[in-house]
PDB file of N, CA and C in Angstrom:
ATOM      1  N   MET A   1      -9.970 -14.199   1.103  1.00  0.00           N
ATOM      2  CA  MET A   1     -10.530 -13.254   0.179  1.00  0.00           C
ATOM      3  C   MET A   1     -11.851 -13.757  -0.383  1.00  0.00           C
ATOM      4  N   ALA A   2     -11.922 -15.037  -0.659  1.00  0.00           N
ATOM      5  CA  ALA A   2     -13.153 -15.574  -1.233  1.00  0.00           C
ATOM      6  C   ALA A   2     -14.326 -15.429  -0.261  1.00  0.00           C
ATOM      7  N   THR A   3     -14.080 -15.613   1.002  1.00  0.00           N
ATOM      8  CA  THR A   3     -15.143 -15.521   1.998  1.00  0.00           C
ATOM      9  C   THR A   3     -15.698 -14.106   2.126  1.00  0.00           C
ATOM     10  N   THR A   4     -14.815 -13.113   2.042  1.00  0.00           N
ATOM     11  CA  THR A   4     -15.235 -11.729   2.260  1.00  0.00           C
ATOM     12  C   THR A   4     -15.519 -10.967   0.973  1.00  0.00           C
ATOM     13  N   GLY A   5     -15.301 -11.599  -0.177  1.00  0.00           N
ATOM     14  CA  GLY A   5     -15.535 -10.922  -1.455  1.00  0.00           C
ATOM     15  C   GLY A   5     -14.374 -10.062  -1.908  1.00  0.00           C
ATOM     16  N   GLY A   6     -13.222 -10.226  -1.285  1.00  0.00           N
ATOM     17  CA  GLY A   6     -12.047  -9.451  -1.656  1.00  0.00           C
ATOM     18  C   GLY A   6     -11.368  -9.995  -2.899  1.00  0.00           C
ATOM     19  N   SER A   7     -10.363  -9.283  -3.362  1.00  0.00           N
ATOM     20  CA  SER A   7      -9.586  -9.725  -4.519  1.00  0.00           C
ATOM     21  C   SER A   7      -8.178  -9.137  -4.424  1.00  0.00           C
ATOM     22  N   PRO A   8      -7.206  -9.792  -5.067  1.00  0.00           N
ATOM     23  CA  PRO A   8      -5.839  -9.272  -5.033  1.00  0.00           C
ATOM     24  C   PRO A   8      -5.734  -7.989  -5.852  1.00  0.00           C
ATOM     25  N   VAL A   9      -4.737  -7.182  -5.520  1.00  0.00           N
ATOM     26  CA  VAL A   9      -4.488  -5.938  -6.242  1.00  0.00           C
ATOM     27  C   VAL A   9      -3.098  -6.018  -6.850  1.00  0.00           C
ATOM     28  N   LEU A  10      -2.993  -5.787  -8.139  1.00  0.00           N
ATOM     29  CA  LEU A  10      -1.703  -5.752  -8.822  1.00  0.00           C
ATOM     30  C   LEU A  10      -1.325  -4.304  -9.059  1.00  0.00           C
ATOM     31  N   VAL A  11      -0.081  -3.956  -8.738  1.00  0.00           N
ATOM     32  CA  VAL A  11       0.382  -2.584  -8.915  1.00  0.00           C
ATOM     33  C   VAL A  11       1.637  -2.558  -9.772  1.00  0.00           C
ATOM     34  N   SER A  12       1.918  -1.421 -10.352  1.00  0.00           N
ATOM     35  CA  SER A  12       3.107  -1.263 -11.192  1.00  0.00           C
ATOM     36  C   SER A  12       4.353  -1.045 -10.324  1.00  0.00           C
ATOM     37  N   GLU A  13       5.509  -1.217 -10.934  1.00  0.00           N
ATOM     38  CA  GLU A  13       6.770  -0.941 -10.233  1.00  0.00           C
ATOM     39  C   GLU A  13       6.823   0.522  -9.809  1.00  0.00           C
ATOM     40  N   GLU A  14       6.302   1.404 -10.650  1.00  0.00           N
ATOM     41  CA  GLU A  14       6.292   2.831 -10.330  1.00  0.00           C
ATOM     42  C   GLU A  14       5.455   3.105  -9.080  1.00  0.00           C
ATOM     43  N   THR A  15       4.312   2.445  -8.954  1.00  0.00           N
ATOM     44  CA  THR A  15       3.471   2.621  -7.775  1.00  0.00           C
ATOM     45  C   THR A  15       4.165   2.068  -6.537  1.00  0.00           C
ATOM     46  N   LEU A  16       4.900   0.965  -6.679  1.00  0.00           N
ATOM     47  CA  LEU A  16       5.671   0.427  -5.554  1.00  0.00           C
ATOM     48  C   LEU A  16       6.716   1.440  -5.084  1.00  0.00           C
ATOM     49  N   LYS A  17       7.387   2.073  -6.023  1.00  0.00           N
ATOM     50  CA  LYS A  17       8.405   3.076  -5.678  1.00  0.00           C
ATOM     51  C   LYS A  17       7.764   4.293  -5.024  1.00  0.00           C
ATOM     52  N   GLU A  18       6.645   4.753  -5.568  1.00  0.00           N
ATOM     53  CA  GLU A  18       5.927   5.901  -5.016  1.00  0.00           C
ATOM     54  C   GLU A  18       5.476   5.619  -3.584  1.00  0.00           C
ATOM     55  N   ALA A  19       4.906   4.447  -3.367  1.00  0.00           N
ATOM     56  CA  ALA A  19       4.425   4.076  -2.041  1.00  0.00           C
ATOM     57  C   ALA A  19       5.572   3.995  -1.047  1.00  0.00           C
ATOM     58  N   ASN A  20       6.693   3.447  -1.469  1.00  0.00           N
ATOM     59  CA  ASN A  20       7.832   3.324  -0.571  1.00  0.00           C
ATOM     60  C   ASN A  20       8.370   4.695  -0.180  1.00  0.00           C
ATOM     61  N   ALA A  21       8.474   5.597  -1.145  1.00  0.00           N
ATOM     62  CA  ALA A  21       8.949   6.950  -0.848  1.00  0.00           C
ATOM     63  C   ALA A  21       7.983   7.651   0.107  1.00  0.00           C
ATOM     64  N   LEU A  22       6.694   7.496  -0.118  1.00  0.00           N
ATOM     65  CA  LEU A  22       5.682   8.105   0.736  1.00  0.00           C
ATOM     66  C   LEU A  22       5.744   7.526   2.152  1.00  0.00           C
ATOM     67  N   ALA A  23       5.874   6.221   2.247  1.00  0.00           N
ATOM     68  CA  ALA A  23       5.944   5.559   3.549  1.00  0.00           C
ATOM     69  C   ALA A  23       7.156   6.032   4.337  1.00  0.00           C
ATOM     70  N   ARG A  24       8.294   6.085   3.690  1.00  0.00           N
ATOM     71  CA  ARG A  24       9.531   6.468   4.364  1.00  0.00           C
ATOM     72  C   ARG A  24       9.521   7.934   4.778  1.00  0.00           C
ATOM     73  N   SER A  25       9.062   8.807   3.882  1.00  0.00           N
ATOM     74  CA  SER A  25       9.073  10.237   4.210  1.00  0.00           C
ATOM     75  C   SER A  25       7.975  10.601   5.202  1.00  0.00           C
ATOM     76  N   GLY A  26       6.860   9.919   5.136  1.00  0.00           N
ATOM     77  CA  GLY A  26       5.734  10.240   6.000  1.00  0.00           C
ATOM     78  C   GLY A  26       5.826   9.686   7.403  1.00  0.00           C
ATOM     79  N   THR A  27       6.626   8.640   7.578  1.00  0.00           N
ATOM     80  CA  THR A  27       6.673   7.993   8.891  1.00  0.00           C
ATOM     81  C   THR A  27       8.063   7.953   9.515  1.00  0.00           C
ATOM     82  N   GLY A  28       9.094   8.061   8.687  1.00  0.00           N
ATOM     83  CA  GLY A  28      10.450   7.913   9.198  1.00  0.00           C
ATOM     84  C   GLY A  28      10.848   6.463   9.409  1.00  0.00           C
ATOM     85  N   ILE A  29       9.961   5.546   9.050  1.00  0.00           N
ATOM     86  CA  ILE A  29      10.250   4.114   9.169  1.00  0.00           C
ATOM     87  C   ILE A  29      11.108   3.690   7.982  1.00  0.00           C
ATOM     88  N   ASN A  30      12.161   2.935   8.245  1.00  0.00           N
ATOM     89  CA  ASN A  30      13.076   2.485   7.204  1.00  0.00           C
ATOM     90  C   ASN A  30      12.520   1.229   6.515  1.00  0.00           C
ATOM     91  N   VAL A  31      11.321   1.352   5.956  1.00  0.00           N
ATOM     92  CA  VAL A  31      10.615   0.223   5.352  1.00  0.00           C
ATOM     93  C   VAL A  31      11.163  -0.047   3.944  1.00  0.00           C
ATOM     94  N   ASP A  32      11.231  -1.324   3.568  1.00  0.00           N
ATOM     95  CA  ASP A  32      11.663  -1.656   2.216  1.00  0.00           C
ATOM     96  C   ASP A  32      10.446  -1.710   1.286  1.00  0.00           C
ATOM     97  N   HIS A  33      10.721  -1.919  -0.013  1.00  0.00           N
ATOM     98  CA  HIS A  33       9.642  -1.894  -1.007  1.00  0.00           C
ATOM     99  C   HIS A  33       8.616  -3.007  -0.779  1.00  0.00           C
ATOM    100  N   THR A  34       9.073  -4.166  -0.387  1.00  0.00           N
ATOM    101  CA  THR A  34       8.143  -5.252  -0.099  1.00  0.00           C
ATOM    102  C   THR A  34       7.282  -4.909   1.104  1.00  0.00           C
ATOM    103  N   GLY A  35       7.889  -4.323   2.118  1.00  0.00           N
ATOM    104  CA  GLY A  35       7.179  -3.972   3.332  1.00  0.00           C
ATOM    105  C   GLY A  35       6.141  -2.881   3.152  1.00  0.00           C
ATOM    106  N   SER A  36       6.309  -2.034   2.131  1.00  0.00           N
ATOM    107  CA  SER A  36       5.340  -0.963   1.882  1.00  0.00           C
ATOM    108  C   SER A  36       4.403  -1.287   0.713  1.00  0.00           C
ATOM    109  N   SER A  37       4.413  -2.522   0.269  1.00  0.00           N
ATOM    110  CA  SER A  37       3.570  -2.899  -0.876  1.00  0.00           C
ATOM    111  C   SER A  37       2.077  -2.797  -0.557  1.00  0.00           C
ATOM    112  N   GLY A  38       1.702  -2.966   0.708  1.00  0.00           N
ATOM    113  CA  GLY A  38       0.298  -2.786   1.087  1.00  0.00           C
ATOM    114  C   GLY A  38      -0.167  -1.360   0.837  1.00  0.00           C
ATOM    115  N   LEU A  39       0.721  -0.394   1.083  1.00  0.00           N
ATOM    116  CA  LEU A  39       0.398   1.008   0.800  1.00  0.00           C
ATOM    117  C   LEU A  39       0.256   1.210  -0.698  1.00  0.00           C
ATOM    118  N   ALA A  40       1.073   0.536  -1.490  1.00  0.00           N
ATOM    119  CA  ALA A  40       0.949   0.618  -2.949  1.00  0.00           C
ATOM    120  C   ALA A  40      -0.414   0.116  -3.398  1.00  0.00           C
ATOM    121  N   GLY A  41      -0.865  -0.982  -2.812  1.00  0.00           N
ATOM    122  CA  GLY A  41      -2.194  -1.492  -3.138  1.00  0.00           C
ATOM    123  C   GLY A  41      -3.290  -0.514  -2.760  1.00  0.00           C
ATOM    124  N   LEU A  42      -3.136   0.125  -1.605  1.00  0.00           N
ATOM    125  CA  LEU A  42      -4.119   1.113  -1.171  1.00  0.00           C
ATOM    126  C   LEU A  42      -4.148   2.307  -2.123  1.00  0.00           C
ATOM    127  N   LEU A  43      -2.989   2.791  -2.545  1.00  0.00           N
ATOM    128  CA  LEU A  43      -2.942   3.895  -3.503  1.00  0.00           C
ATOM    129  C   LEU A  43      -3.648   3.526  -4.800  1.00  0.00           C
ATOM    130  N   CYS A  44      -3.429   2.299  -5.246  1.00  0.00           N
ATOM    131  CA  CYS A  44      -4.076   1.818  -6.471  1.00  0.00           C
ATOM    132  C   CYS A  44      -5.590   1.758  -6.289  1.00  0.00           C
ATOM    133  N   LEU A  45      -6.044   1.215  -5.172  1.00  0.00           N
ATOM    134  CA  LEU A  45      -7.488   1.137  -4.911  1.00  0.00           C
ATOM    135  C   LEU A  45      -8.111   2.531  -4.813  1.00  0.00           C
ATOM    136  N   ARG A  46      -7.399   3.448  -4.196  1.00  0.00           N
ATOM    137  CA  ARG A  46      -7.898   4.822  -4.092  1.00  0.00           C
ATOM    138  C   ARG A  46      -8.055   5.441  -5.483  1.00  0.00           C
ATOM    139  N   ASP A  47      -7.059   5.246  -6.326  1.00  0.00           N
ATOM    140  CA  ASP A  47      -7.103   5.800  -7.683  1.00  0.00           C
ATOM    141  C   ASP A  47      -8.196   5.174  -8.530  1.00  0.00           C
ATOM    142  N   ASP A  48      -8.498   3.910  -8.286  1.00  0.00           N
ATOM    143  CA  ASP A  48      -9.524   3.196  -9.054  1.00  0.00           C
ATOM    144  C   ASP A  48     -10.902   3.281  -8.399  1.00  0.00           C
ATOM    145  N   ALA A  49     -11.037   4.110  -7.388  1.00  0.00           N
ATOM    146  CA  ALA A  49     -12.296   4.314  -6.648  1.00  0.00           C
ATOM    147  C   ALA A  49     -12.771   3.047  -5.931  1.00  0.00           C
ATOM    148  N   GLY A  50     -11.847   2.150  -5.625  1.00  0.00           N
ATOM    149  CA  GLY A  50     -12.195   0.958  -4.855  1.00  0.00           C
ATOM    150  C   GLY A  50     -12.271   1.244  -3.366  1.00  0.00           C
ATOM    151  N   ILE A  51     -11.673   2.360  -2.943  1.00  0.00           N
ATOM    152  CA  ILE A  51     -11.701   2.813  -1.558  1.00  0.00           C
ATOM    153  C   ILE A  51     -12.222   4.248  -1.572  1.00  0.00           C
ATOM    154  N   GLY A  52     -13.251   4.504  -0.803  1.00  0.00           N
ATOM    155  CA  GLY A  52     -13.829   5.835  -0.749  1.00  0.00           C
ATOM    156  C   GLY A  52     -13.103   6.741   0.225  1.00  0.00           C
ATOM    157  N   PRO A  53     -13.242   8.062   0.077  1.00  0.00           N
ATOM    158  CA  PRO A  53     -12.545   9.006   0.949  1.00  0.00           C
ATOM    159  C   PRO A  53     -13.014   8.954   2.407  1.00  0.00           C
ATOM    160  N   ASP A  54     -14.176   8.382   2.649  1.00  0.00           N
ATOM    161  CA  ASP A  54     -14.684   8.307   4.016  1.00  0.00           C
ATOM    162  C   ASP A  54     -14.436   6.951   4.680  1.00  0.00           C
ATOM    163  N   GLU A  55     -13.752   6.045   3.991  1.00  0.00           N
ATOM    164  CA  GLU A  55     -13.485   4.714   4.545  1.00  0.00           C
ATOM    165  C   GLU A  55     -12.198   4.721   5.360  1.00  0.00           C
ATOM    166  N   ARG A  56     -12.181   3.915   6.412  1.00  0.00           N
ATOM    167  CA  ARG A  56     -10.988   3.761   7.234  1.00  0.00           C
ATOM    168  C   ARG A  56     -10.286   2.466   6.849  1.00  0.00           C
ATOM    169  N   VAL A  57      -8.971   2.541   6.767  1.00  0.00           N
ATOM    170  CA  VAL A  57      -8.173   1.371   6.422  1.00  0.00           C
ATOM    171  C   VAL A  57      -6.936   1.327   7.326  1.00  0.00           C
ATOM    172  N   ALA A  58      -6.280   0.198   7.333  1.00  0.00           N
ATOM    173  CA  ALA A  58      -5.011   0.052   8.044  1.00  0.00           C
ATOM    174  C   ALA A  58      -4.012  -0.556   7.073  1.00  0.00           C
ATOM    175  N   VAL A  59      -2.786  -0.100   7.131  1.00  0.00           N
ATOM    176  CA  VAL A  59      -1.706  -0.638   6.310  1.00  0.00           C
ATOM    177  C   VAL A  59      -0.554  -1.005   7.245  1.00  0.00           C
ATOM    178  N   LEU A  60      -0.045  -2.212   7.084  1.00  0.00           N
ATOM    179  CA  LEU A  60       1.089  -2.676   7.886  1.00  0.00           C
ATOM    180  C   LEU A  60       2.368  -2.551   7.079  1.00  0.00           C
ATOM    181  N   PHE A  61       3.410  -2.023   7.695  1.00  0.00           N
ATOM    182  CA  PHE A  61       4.747  -2.025   7.083  1.00  0.00           C
ATOM    183  C   PHE A  61       5.503  -3.183   7.688  1.00  0.00           C
ATOM    184  N   THR A  62       5.853  -4.171   6.845  1.00  0.00           N
ATOM    185  CA  THR A  62       6.324  -5.439   7.383  1.00  0.00           C
ATOM    186  C   THR A  62       7.764  -5.784   7.081  1.00  0.00           C
ATOM    187  N   GLY A  63       8.516  -4.912   6.445  1.00  0.00           N
ATOM    188  CA  GLY A  63       9.901  -5.215   6.147  1.00  0.00           C
ATOM    189  C   GLY A  63      10.765  -3.975   6.258  1.00  0.00           C
ATOM    190  N   ALA A  64      12.009  -4.138   6.726  1.00  0.00           N
ATOM    191  CA  ALA A  64      12.909  -3.003   6.898  1.00  0.00           C
ATOM    192  C   ALA A  64      14.103  -3.107   5.951  1.00  0.00           C
ATOM    193  N   LYS A  65      14.541  -1.935   5.452  1.00  0.00           N
ATOM    194  CA  LYS A  65      15.768  -1.905   4.646  1.00  0.00           C
ATOM    195  C   LYS A  65      16.947  -2.184   5.563  1.00  0.00           C
ATOM    196  N   ARG A  66      17.847  -3.012   5.083  1.00  0.00           N
ATOM    197  CA  ARG A  66      19.037  -3.341   5.890  1.00  0.00           C
ATOM    198  C   ARG A  66      20.276  -3.026   5.110  1.00  0.00           C
TER     199      ARG A  66
END
């Protein structure tokens, strides 16, 4: 992050829940809350204007509910 000028994103529990519901309903992937936390960060950045509507991003879902 230091090399590229990035910074960590902190999100609320509510945003984590929102992102997880969106990830699961939008993709059908049985992702857990930790696995969809990257989407929560993206939602937060979008709301704070850190990500513009014309920018392309990728989000990885890295954990499954068991």
